[in-house]
PDB file of N, CA and C in Angstrom:
ATOM      1  N   MET A   1     -15.897  -1.302  32.887  1.00  0.00           N
ATOM      2  CA  MET A   1     -17.376  -0.923  32.505  1.00  0.00           C
ATOM      3  C   MET A   1     -17.062  -1.303  30.776  1.00  0.00           C
ATOM      4  N   PRO A   2     -18.301  -2.344  30.690  1.00  0.00           N
ATOM      5  CA  PRO A   2     -18.903  -2.215  29.002  1.00  0.00           C
ATOM      6  C   PRO A   2     -19.020  -0.854  28.517  1.00  0.00           C
ATOM      7  N   VAL A   3     -18.799  -0.594  27.511  1.00  0.00           N
ATOM      8  CA  VAL A   3     -19.427   0.103  26.627  1.00  0.00           C
ATOM      9  C   VAL A   3     -20.917  -0.313  26.180  1.00  0.00           C
ATOM     10  N   VAL A   4     -21.478   0.963  26.028  1.00  0.00           N
ATOM     11  CA  VAL A   4     -23.040   0.162  25.633  1.00  0.00           C
ATOM     12  C   VAL A   4     -23.308   1.520  24.665  1.00  0.00           C
ATOM     13  N   PHE A   5     -23.702   1.006  23.907  1.00  0.00           N
ATOM     14  CA  PHE A   5     -23.971   1.923  22.273  1.00  0.00           C
ATOM     15  C   PHE A   5     -25.630   2.021  22.076  1.00  0.00           C
ATOM     16  N   SER A   6     -26.041   2.974  22.013  1.00  0.00           N
ATOM     17  CA  SER A   6     -27.728   3.048  21.782  1.00  0.00           C
ATOM     18  C   SER A   6     -27.998   2.153  20.707  1.00  0.00           C
ATOM     19  N   SER A   7     -29.639   2.023  20.492  1.00  0.00           N
ATOM     20  CA  SER A   7     -30.028   1.312  19.372  1.00  0.00           C
ATOM     21  C   SER A   7     -29.859   2.528  18.084  1.00  0.00           C
ATOM     22  N   SER A   8     -29.369   3.817  17.701  1.00  0.00           N
ATOM     23  CA  SER A   8     -29.338   4.589  17.008  1.00  0.00           C
ATOM     24  C   SER A   8     -28.284   4.517  16.469  1.00  0.00           C
ATOM     25  N   TYR A   9     -27.327   3.445  17.171  1.00  0.00           N
ATOM     26  CA  TYR A   9     -25.613   3.481  16.898  1.00  0.00           C
ATOM     27  C   TYR A   9     -25.659   3.085  15.379  1.00  0.00           C
ATOM     28  N   ASN A  10     -25.102   4.063  14.616  1.00  0.00           N
ATOM     29  CA  ASN A  10     -24.947   3.135  12.904  1.00  0.00           C
ATOM     30  C   ASN A  10     -23.328   3.705  12.866  1.00  0.00           C
ATOM     31  N   PRO A  11     -22.429   2.663  12.927  1.00  0.00           N
ATOM     32  CA  PRO A  11     -21.140   2.288  12.774  1.00  0.00           C
ATOM     33  C   PRO A  11     -20.804   3.319  10.776  1.00  0.00           C
ATOM     34  N   LEU A  12     -19.801   3.767  10.516  1.00  0.00           N
ATOM     35  CA  LEU A  12     -19.636   4.219   9.409  1.00  0.00           C
ATOM     36  C   LEU A  12     -18.606   3.267   8.918  1.00  0.00           C
ATOM     37  N   THR A  13     -19.474   3.095   7.780  1.00  0.00           N
ATOM     38  CA  THR A  13     -18.629   2.122   7.084  1.00  0.00           C
ATOM     39  C   THR A  13     -18.261   2.384   5.549  1.00  0.00           C
ATOM     40  N   LEU A  14     -17.461   2.043   4.914  1.00  0.00           N
ATOM     41  CA  LEU A  14     -17.245   2.602   3.525  1.00  0.00           C
ATOM     42  C   LEU A  14     -18.362   2.199   2.628  1.00  0.00           C
ATOM     43  N   THR A  15     -19.394   1.160   2.570  1.00  0.00           N
ATOM     44  CA  THR A  15     -19.864   1.144   1.763  1.00  0.00           C
ATOM     45  C   THR A  15     -21.149   2.350   1.749  1.00  0.00           C
ATOM     46  N   GLN A  16     -21.130   2.448   3.247  1.00  0.00           N
ATOM     47  CA  GLN A  16     -22.420   3.711   3.140  1.00  0.00           C
ATOM     48  C   GLN A  16     -21.809   4.951   3.160  1.00  0.00           C
ATOM     49  N   SER A  17     -20.785   5.261   3.134  1.00  0.00           N
ATOM     50  CA  SER A  17     -20.069   6.895   3.362  1.00  0.00           C
ATOM     51  C   SER A  17     -19.224   7.229   1.814  1.00  0.00           C
ATOM     52  N   ARG A  18     -19.863   7.793   1.031  1.00  0.00           N
ATOM     53  CA  ARG A  18     -19.218   8.729  -0.282  1.00  0.00           C
ATOM     54  C   ARG A  18     -17.527   9.095   0.193  1.00  0.00           C
ATOM     55  N   PRO A  19     -17.739  10.073   1.342  1.00  0.00           N
ATOM     56  CA  PRO A  19     -16.633  11.013   2.000  1.00  0.00           C
ATOM     57  C   PRO A  19     -15.310   9.697   2.236  1.00  0.00           C
ATOM     58  N   LEU A  20     -15.852   8.592   3.016  1.00  0.00           N
ATOM     59  CA  LEU A  20     -15.355   8.197   3.643  1.00  0.00           C
ATOM     60  C   LEU A  20     -14.426   7.419   2.507  1.00  0.00           C
ATOM     61  N   ARG A  21     -14.989   6.869   1.926  1.00  0.00           N
ATOM     62  CA  ARG A  21     -14.576   6.161   0.590  1.00  0.00           C
ATOM     63  C   ARG A  21     -13.082   6.868  -0.268  1.00  0.00           C
ATOM     64  N   TYR A  22     -13.490   8.322  -0.516  1.00  0.00           N
ATOM     65  CA  TYR A  22     -12.791   9.122  -1.175  1.00  0.00           C
ATOM     66  C   TYR A  22     -11.957   9.494  -0.320  1.00  0.00           C
ATOM     67  N   GLY A  23     -11.933   9.435   1.561  1.00  0.00           N
ATOM     68  CA  GLY A  23     -10.739  10.093   2.035  1.00  0.00           C
ATOM     69  C   GLY A  23     -10.001   8.402   2.247  1.00  0.00           C
ATOM     70  N   VAL A  24     -10.419   7.267   2.344  1.00  0.00           N
ATOM     71  CA  VAL A  24      -9.495   6.411   2.302  1.00  0.00           C
ATOM     72  C   VAL A  24      -8.886   5.686   1.474  1.00  0.00           C
ATOM     73  N   PHE A  25      -9.998   6.299   0.109  1.00  0.00           N
ATOM     74  CA  PHE A  25      -8.682   6.255  -1.242  1.00  0.00           C
ATOM     75  C   PHE A  25      -7.536   7.491  -1.078  1.00  0.00           C
ATOM     76  N   PHE A  26      -7.725   8.506  -0.976  1.00  0.00           N
ATOM     77  CA  PHE A  26      -6.771   9.728  -1.148  1.00  0.00           C
ATOM     78  C   PHE A  26      -5.590   9.023  -0.085  1.00  0.00           C
ATOM     79  N   TYR A  27      -5.982   8.608   1.090  1.00  0.00           N
ATOM     80  CA  TYR A  27      -5.040   8.155   2.452  1.00  0.00           C
ATOM     81  C   TYR A  27      -4.053   7.279   1.704  1.00  0.00           C
ATOM     82  N   LEU A  28      -4.662   6.366   1.385  1.00  0.00           N
ATOM     83  CA  LEU A  28      -3.854   5.024   0.353  1.00  0.00           C
ATOM     84  C   LEU A  28      -3.144   5.489  -0.623  1.00  0.00           C
ATOM     85  N   TYR A  29      -3.499   6.054  -1.322  1.00  0.00           N
ATOM     86  CA  TYR A  29      -2.771   6.706  -2.715  1.00  0.00           C
ATOM     87  C   TYR A  29      -1.652   7.580  -2.228  1.00  0.00           C
ATOM     88  N   VAL A  30      -1.651   8.587  -1.378  1.00  0.00           N
ATOM     89  CA  VAL A  30      -0.448   9.491  -0.494  1.00  0.00           C
ATOM     90  C   VAL A  30       0.306   8.126   0.199  1.00  0.00           C
ATOM     91  N   MET A  31       0.019   7.060   0.896  1.00  0.00           N
ATOM     92  CA  MET A  31       0.778   6.053   1.588  1.00  0.00           C
ATOM     93  C   MET A  31       1.528   5.240   0.734  1.00  0.00           C
ATOM     94  N   GLN A  32       1.046   5.554  -0.564  1.00  0.00           N
ATOM     95  CA  GLN A  32       1.749   4.301  -1.528  1.00  0.00           C
ATOM     96  C   GLN A  32       2.864   5.549  -2.282  1.00  0.00           C
ATOM     97  N   GLY A  33       2.459   6.700  -2.196  1.00  0.00           N
ATOM     98  CA  GLY A  33       3.346   7.849  -3.288  1.00  0.00           C
ATOM     99  C   GLY A  33       4.419   8.028  -2.341  1.00  0.00           C
ATOM    100  N   ILE A  34       4.026   7.765  -0.871  1.00  0.00           N
ATOM    101  CA  ILE A  34       5.292   8.358  -0.359  1.00  0.00           C
ATOM    102  C   ILE A  34       6.575   7.392   0.154  1.00  0.00           C
ATOM    103  N   PRO A  35       6.518   6.214  -0.183  1.00  0.00           N
ATOM    104  CA  PRO A  35       7.993   5.276  -0.071  1.00  0.00           C
ATOM    105  C   PRO A  35       8.373   5.332  -1.968  1.00  0.00           C
ATOM    106  N   SER A  36       7.469   5.633  -2.981  1.00  0.00           N
ATOM    107  CA  SER A  36       8.049   5.941  -4.494  1.00  0.00           C
ATOM    108  C   SER A  36       8.942   6.828  -4.247  1.00  0.00           C
ATOM    109  N   GLY A  37       8.413   7.840  -4.012  1.00  0.00           N
ATOM    110  CA  GLY A  37       8.667   9.299  -3.436  1.00  0.00           C
ATOM    111  C   GLY A  37      10.262   9.348  -3.086  1.00  0.00           C
ATOM    112  N   PHE A  38      10.227   8.398  -2.141  1.00  0.00           N
ATOM    113  CA  PHE A  38      11.120   8.354  -1.233  1.00  0.00           C
ATOM    114  C   PHE A  38      12.371   7.923  -1.868  1.00  0.00           C
ATOM    115  N   TYR A  39      12.022   6.424  -2.265  1.00  0.00           N
ATOM    116  CA  TYR A  39      13.327   5.927  -3.154  1.00  0.00           C
ATOM    117  C   TYR A  39      13.729   6.970  -4.678  1.00  0.00           C
ATOM    118  N   LEU A  40      12.776   7.348  -4.954  1.00  0.00           N
ATOM    119  CA  LEU A  40      13.247   7.739  -6.169  1.00  0.00           C
ATOM    120  C   LEU A  40      13.934   9.088  -6.224  1.00  0.00           C
ATOM    121  N   THR A  41      13.516  10.046  -5.342  1.00  0.00           N
ATOM    122  CA  THR A  41      14.364  11.061  -5.298  1.00  0.00           C
ATOM    123  C   THR A  41      15.552  11.040  -4.134  1.00  0.00           C
ATOM    124  N   ALA A  42      14.924  10.939  -2.607  1.00  0.00           N
ATOM    125  CA  ALA A  42      15.772  11.025  -1.788  1.00  0.00           C
ATOM    126  C   ALA A  42      17.104  10.276  -1.607  1.00  0.00           C
ATOM    127  N   LEU A  43      16.712   8.977  -1.814  1.00  0.00           N
ATOM    128  CA  LEU A  43      17.924   7.642  -1.845  1.00  0.00           C
ATOM    129  C   LEU A  43      18.373   8.187  -3.271  1.00  0.00           C
ATOM    130  N   ALA A  44      17.970   8.140  -4.102  1.00  0.00           N
ATOM    131  CA  ALA A  44      19.002   8.279  -5.414  1.00  0.00           C
ATOM    132  C   ALA A  44      20.003   9.688  -5.613  1.00  0.00           C
ATOM    133  N   ASN A  45      19.138  10.710  -4.651  1.00  0.00           N
ATOM    134  CA  ASN A  45      20.196  11.803  -4.448  1.00  0.00           C
ATOM    135  C   ASN A  45      21.278  12.016  -3.367  1.00  0.00           C
ATOM    136  N   TYR A  46      20.744  10.842  -2.459  1.00  0.00           N
ATOM    137  CA  TYR A  46      21.761  10.623  -1.497  1.00  0.00           C
ATOM    138  C   TYR A  46      22.925   9.549  -1.599  1.00  0.00           C
ATOM    139  N   PHE A  47      22.611   8.699  -2.670  1.00  0.00           N
ATOM    140  CA  PHE A  47      23.634   7.814  -3.321  1.00  0.00           C
ATOM    141  C   PHE A  47      24.607   8.452  -4.090  1.00  0.00           C
ATOM    142  N   THR A  48      23.845   9.470  -4.515  1.00  0.00           N
ATOM    143  CA  THR A  48      24.556  10.185  -6.265  1.00  0.00           C
ATOM    144  C   THR A  48      25.499  11.165  -5.119  1.00  0.00           C
ATOM    145  N   ALA A  49      25.071  11.756  -4.569  1.00  0.00           N
ATOM    146  CA  ALA A  49      25.925  12.468  -3.500  1.00  0.00           C
ATOM    147  C   ALA A  49      26.733  11.757  -2.687  1.00  0.00           C
ATOM    148  N   ASP A  50      27.032  10.628  -2.191  1.00  0.00           N
ATOM    149  CA  ASP A  50      27.940   9.621  -1.848  1.00  0.00           C
ATOM    150  C   ASP A  50      28.822   9.317  -2.532  1.00  0.00           C
ATOM    151  N   GLY A  51      29.236   9.350  -4.025  1.00  0.00           N
ATOM    152  CA  GLY A  51      29.632   8.569  -5.401  1.00  0.00           C
ATOM    153  C   GLY A  51      29.409   7.782  -5.474  1.00  0.00           C
ATOM    154  N   VAL A  52      27.863   6.919  -5.822  1.00  0.00           N
ATOM    155  CA  VAL A  52      27.706   6.147  -6.081  1.00  0.00           C
ATOM    156  C   VAL A  52      27.625   6.364  -7.836  1.00  0.00           C
ATOM    157  N   GLY A  53      27.774   5.321  -8.747  1.00  0.00           N
ATOM    158  CA  GLY A  53      27.883   5.429 -10.139  1.00  0.00           C
ATOM    159  C   GLY A  53      26.296   5.284 -10.673  1.00  0.00           C
ATOM    160  N   PRO A  54      25.979   6.010 -11.628  1.00  0.00           N
ATOM    161  CA  PRO A  54      24.209   5.962 -11.975  1.00  0.00           C
ATOM    162  C   PRO A  54      23.876   4.563 -12.387  1.00  0.00           C
ATOM    163  N   ASP A  55      24.582   3.868 -12.569  1.00  0.00           N
ATOM    164  CA  ASP A  55      24.644   2.577 -13.449  1.00  0.00           C
ATOM    165  C   ASP A  55      23.773   1.830 -12.213  1.00  0.00           C
ATOM    166  N   VAL A  56      24.700   2.082 -10.612  1.00  0.00           N
ATOM    167  CA  VAL A  56      23.967   1.411  -9.864  1.00  0.00           C
ATOM    168  C   VAL A  56      22.713   1.945  -9.091  1.00  0.00           C
ATOM    169  N   VAL A  57      23.039   3.238  -9.337  1.00  0.00           N
ATOM    170  CA  VAL A  57      21.706   4.164  -8.932  1.00  0.00           C
ATOM    171  C   VAL A  57      20.391   3.709  -9.800  1.00  0.00           C
ATOM    172  N   GLY A  58      20.850   3.170 -10.735  1.00  0.00           N
ATOM    173  CA  GLY A  58      19.542   3.293 -11.866  1.00  0.00           C
ATOM    174  C   GLY A  58      19.282   1.408 -11.414  1.00  0.00           C
ATOM    175  N   SER A  59      19.957   0.780 -10.914  1.00  0.00           N
ATOM    176  CA  SER A  59      19.773  -0.820 -10.925  1.00  0.00           C
ATOM    177  C   SER A  59      18.922  -0.493  -9.812  1.00  0.00           C
ATOM    178  N   PHE A  60      19.386   0.079  -8.250  1.00  0.00           N
ATOM    179  CA  PHE A  60      18.475   0.261  -7.304  1.00  0.00           C
ATOM    180  C   PHE A  60      17.184   0.584  -7.602  1.00  0.00           C
ATOM    181  N   ILE A  61      17.041   1.503  -8.276  1.00  0.00           N
ATOM    182  CA  ILE A  61      15.523   1.941  -8.785  1.00  0.00           C
ATOM    183  C   ILE A  61      15.023   1.172  -9.286  1.00  0.00           C
ATOM    184  N   ALA A  62      15.306   0.410 -10.181  1.00  0.00           N
ATOM    185  CA  ALA A  62      14.753  -0.738 -11.016  1.00  0.00           C
ATOM    186  C   ALA A  62      14.301  -1.705 -10.005  1.00  0.00           C
ATOM    187  N   LEU A  63      15.139  -2.238  -9.275  1.00  0.00           N
ATOM    188  CA  LEU A  63      15.443  -3.284  -8.634  1.00  0.00           C
ATOM    189  C   LEU A  63      13.809  -3.158  -7.770  1.00  0.00           C
ATOM    190  N   PHE A  64      14.026  -1.412  -6.802  1.00  0.00           N
ATOM    191  CA  PHE A  64      12.817  -1.395  -5.989  1.00  0.00           C
ATOM    192  C   PHE A  64      11.782  -1.297  -6.432  1.00  0.00           C
ATOM    193  N   GLY A  65      11.552  -0.890  -7.684  1.00  0.00           N
ATOM    194  CA  GLY A  65      10.361  -0.654  -8.472  1.00  0.00           C
ATOM    195  C   GLY A  65       9.787  -1.797  -8.828  1.00  0.00           C
ATOM    196  N   LEU A  66      10.228  -2.919  -8.621  1.00  0.00           N
ATOM    197  CA  LEU A  66       9.645  -4.180  -9.445  1.00  0.00           C
ATOM    198  C   LEU A  66       8.392  -4.742  -8.932  1.00  0.00           C
ATOM    199  N   PRO A  67       7.619  -4.242  -7.549  1.00  0.00           N
ATOM    200  CA  PRO A  67       6.393  -4.697  -7.183  1.00  0.00           C
ATOM    201  C   PRO A  67       5.449  -3.633  -8.341  1.00  0.00           C
ATOM    202  N   TRP A  68       6.190  -2.307  -8.541  1.00  0.00           N
ATOM    203  CA  TRP A  68       4.728  -1.729  -9.712  1.00  0.00           C
ATOM    204  C   TRP A  68       4.925  -2.252 -10.771  1.00  0.00           C
ATOM    205  N   THR A  69       6.143  -2.605 -10.796  1.00  0.00           N
ATOM    206  CA  THR A  69       6.218  -3.533 -12.104  1.00  0.00           C
ATOM    207  C   THR A  69       5.122  -4.135 -12.876  1.00  0.00           C
ATOM    208  N   PHE A  70       5.193  -5.115 -12.153  1.00  0.00           N
ATOM    209  CA  PHE A  70       4.539  -6.199 -12.452  1.00  0.00           C
ATOM    210  C   PHE A  70       2.730  -6.145 -11.740  1.00  0.00           C
ATOM    211  N   GLN A  71       2.496  -5.041 -11.427  1.00  0.00           N
ATOM    212  CA  GLN A  71       1.193  -4.785 -10.359  1.00  0.00           C
ATOM    213  C   GLN A  71       0.185  -5.132 -11.436  1.00  0.00           C
ATOM    214  N   PHE A  72       0.476  -5.342 -12.473  1.00  0.00           N
ATOM    215  CA  PHE A  72      -0.692  -5.597 -13.324  1.00  0.00           C
ATOM    216  C   PHE A  72      -0.945  -7.206 -13.563  1.00  0.00           C
ATOM    217  N   ILE A  73      -0.016  -7.771 -13.431  1.00  0.00           N
ATOM    218  CA  ILE A  73       0.051  -9.604 -13.366  1.00  0.00           C
ATOM    219  C   ILE A  73      -0.823  -9.796 -11.800  1.00  0.00           C
ATOM    220  N   TRP A  74      -0.262  -9.417 -10.663  1.00  0.00           N
ATOM    221  CA  TRP A  74      -0.360 -10.086  -9.332  1.00  0.00           C
ATOM    222  C   TRP A  74      -1.715  -9.175  -8.804  1.00  0.00           C
ATOM    223  N   GLY A  75      -2.201  -8.234  -9.339  1.00  0.00           N
ATOM    224  CA  GLY A  75      -2.995  -7.574  -9.130  1.00  0.00           C
ATOM    225  C   GLY A  75      -4.304  -8.455  -8.985  1.00  0.00           C
ATOM    226  N   PRO A  76      -4.585  -8.751 -10.427  1.00  0.00           N
ATOM    227  CA  PRO A  76      -5.928 -10.211 -10.825  1.00  0.00           C
ATOM    228  C   PRO A  76      -5.984 -11.437 -10.236  1.00  0.00           C
ATOM    229  N   VAL A  77      -4.738 -11.778  -9.495  1.00  0.00           N
ATOM    230  CA  VAL A  77      -4.527 -12.861  -8.708  1.00  0.00           C
ATOM    231  C   VAL A  77      -5.064 -12.662  -7.581  1.00  0.00           C
ATOM    232  N   ILE A  78      -4.570 -11.749  -6.846  1.00  0.00           N
ATOM    233  CA  ILE A  78      -5.196 -11.260  -5.638  1.00  0.00           C
ATOM    234  C   ILE A  78      -6.565 -10.852  -5.343  1.00  0.00           C
ATOM    235  N   ASN A  79      -6.873 -10.312  -6.768  1.00  0.00           N
ATOM    236  CA  ASN A  79      -8.191 -10.025  -6.371  1.00  0.00           C
ATOM    237  C   ASN A  79      -9.292 -11.315  -7.044  1.00  0.00           C
ATOM    238  N   HIS A  80      -8.642 -12.500  -7.400  1.00  0.00           N
ATOM    239  CA  HIS A  80      -9.288 -13.925  -7.862  1.00  0.00           C
ATOM    240  C   HIS A  80      -9.227 -14.532  -6.194  1.00  0.00           C
ATOM    241  N   PHE A  81      -8.733 -14.937  -5.699  1.00  0.00           N
ATOM    242  CA  PHE A  81      -8.756 -15.266  -4.650  1.00  0.00           C
ATOM    243  C   PHE A  81      -8.941 -14.793  -3.043  1.00  0.00           C
ATOM    244  N   GLN A  82     -10.705 -14.984  -3.248  1.00  0.00           N
ATOM    245  CA  GLN A  82     -10.908 -14.050  -2.012  1.00  0.00           C
ATOM    246  C   GLN A  82     -11.420 -14.833  -0.740  1.00  0.00           C
ATOM    247  N   GLY A  83     -11.383 -15.973  -1.228  1.00  0.00           N
ATOM    248  CA  GLY A  83     -12.520 -16.578  -0.084  1.00  0.00           C
ATOM    249  C   GLY A  83     -11.601 -17.073   1.467  1.00  0.00           C
ATOM    250  N   SER A  84     -11.561 -16.047   2.168  1.00  0.00           N
ATOM    251  CA  SER A  84     -10.995 -16.326   3.142  1.00  0.00           C
ATOM    252  C   SER A  84     -11.790 -15.527   4.647  1.00  0.00           C
ATOM    253  N   PRO A  85     -11.694 -16.389   5.909  1.00  0.00           N
ATOM    254  CA  PRO A  85     -12.215 -16.243   7.010  1.00  0.00           C
ATOM    255  C   PRO A  85     -11.876 -14.216   7.509  1.00  0.00           C
ATOM    256  N   MET A  86     -10.790 -13.938   6.846  1.00  0.00           N
ATOM    257  CA  MET A  86     -10.540 -12.548   7.609  1.00  0.00           C
ATOM    258  C   MET A  86     -10.628 -11.736   6.088  1.00  0.00           C
ATOM    259  N   GLY A  87     -11.531 -11.668   5.620  1.00  0.00           N
ATOM    260  CA  GLY A  87     -11.691 -10.643   4.643  1.00  0.00           C
ATOM    261  C   GLY A  87     -11.263 -10.688   3.112  1.00  0.00           C
ATOM    262  N   ARG A  88     -11.603  -9.873   2.445  1.00  0.00           N
ATOM    263  CA  ARG A  88     -11.297 -10.166   0.801  1.00  0.00           C
ATOM    264  C   ARG A  88      -9.617 -10.073   0.931  1.00  0.00           C
ATOM    265  N   ARG A  89      -8.709  -8.795   1.180  1.00  0.00           N
ATOM    266  CA  ARG A  89      -7.756  -9.044   0.697  1.00  0.00           C
ATOM    267  C   ARG A  89      -6.712  -8.975   1.644  1.00  0.00           C
ATOM    268  N   LYS A  90      -7.293  -8.942   3.169  1.00  0.00           N
ATOM    269  CA  LYS A  90      -6.399  -9.378   4.371  1.00  0.00           C
ATOM    270  C   LYS A  90      -5.020 -10.337   4.367  1.00  0.00           C
ATOM    271  N   PRO A  91      -5.382 -11.452   4.031  1.00  0.00           N
ATOM    272  CA  PRO A  91      -4.708 -12.286   4.182  1.00  0.00           C
ATOM    273  C   PRO A  91      -2.881 -11.867   3.190  1.00  0.00           C
ATOM    274  N   TRP A  92      -3.454 -11.597   2.006  1.00  0.00           N
ATOM    275  CA  TRP A  92      -2.104 -10.420   1.304  1.00  0.00           C
ATOM    276  C   TRP A  92      -1.398  -9.699   1.899  1.00  0.00           C
ATOM    277  N   VAL A  93      -2.046  -9.129   2.481  1.00  0.00           N
ATOM    278  CA  VAL A  93      -1.470  -7.918   3.176  1.00  0.00           C
ATOM    279  C   VAL A  93      -0.545  -8.473   4.486  1.00  0.00           C
ATOM    280  N   VAL A  94      -1.172  -9.376   5.216  1.00  0.00           N
ATOM    281  CA  VAL A  94      -0.588  -9.964   6.164  1.00  0.00           C
ATOM    282  C   VAL A  94       0.508 -10.848   6.063  1.00  0.00           C
ATOM    283  N   VAL A  95       0.714 -11.635   4.616  1.00  0.00           N
ATOM    284  CA  VAL A  95       1.867 -12.189   4.227  1.00  0.00           C
ATOM    285  C   VAL A  95       3.140 -10.928   4.054  1.00  0.00           C
ATOM    286  N   TRP A  96       2.253 -10.207   3.433  1.00  0.00           N
ATOM    287  CA  TRP A  96       3.293  -9.019   3.038  1.00  0.00           C
ATOM    288  C   TRP A  96       4.043  -8.381   3.612  1.00  0.00           C
ATOM    289  N   VAL A  97       3.597  -8.214   4.907  1.00  0.00           N
ATOM    290  CA  VAL A  97       3.678  -7.176   5.959  1.00  0.00           C
ATOM    291  C   VAL A  97       4.886  -8.488   7.024  1.00  0.00           C
ATOM    292  N   GLY A  98       4.337  -9.793   7.058  1.00  0.00           N
ATOM    293  CA  GLY A  98       4.997 -10.790   7.990  1.00  0.00           C
ATOM    294  C   GLY A  98       6.446 -10.817   7.168  1.00  0.00           C
ATOM    295  N   GLN A  99       6.752 -10.715   6.453  1.00  0.00           N
ATOM    296  CA  GLN A  99       7.991 -10.784   5.676  1.00  0.00           C
ATOM    297  C   GLN A  99       9.381  -9.763   6.478  1.00  0.00           C
ATOM    298  N   PHE A 100       8.767  -8.628   7.022  1.00  0.00           N
ATOM    299  CA  PHE A 100       9.199  -8.110   7.393  1.00  0.00           C
ATOM    300  C   PHE A 100       9.596  -8.059   8.852  1.00  0.00           C
TER     301      PHE A 100
END
């Protein structure tokens, strides 16, 4: 059975709702911080407890942090190429997620 919405149905969008924009911003900020906190603390501590040398742990953290290091370079590139039928930044996310 199809869902019928009344004529007064207004979907909540980011452009229309300031609390929703702040909520999404907070959510994305936390979701970016969880992986970085994991590799900076949990994995580094695990490797150290397992007897891995500090030079290898440091190299691992440096290699894992490279995307955030070069964010100031690829950020404007992503913002420049926005002409896609999928929306503004979705193709970049699909390409990135598709690698895993």
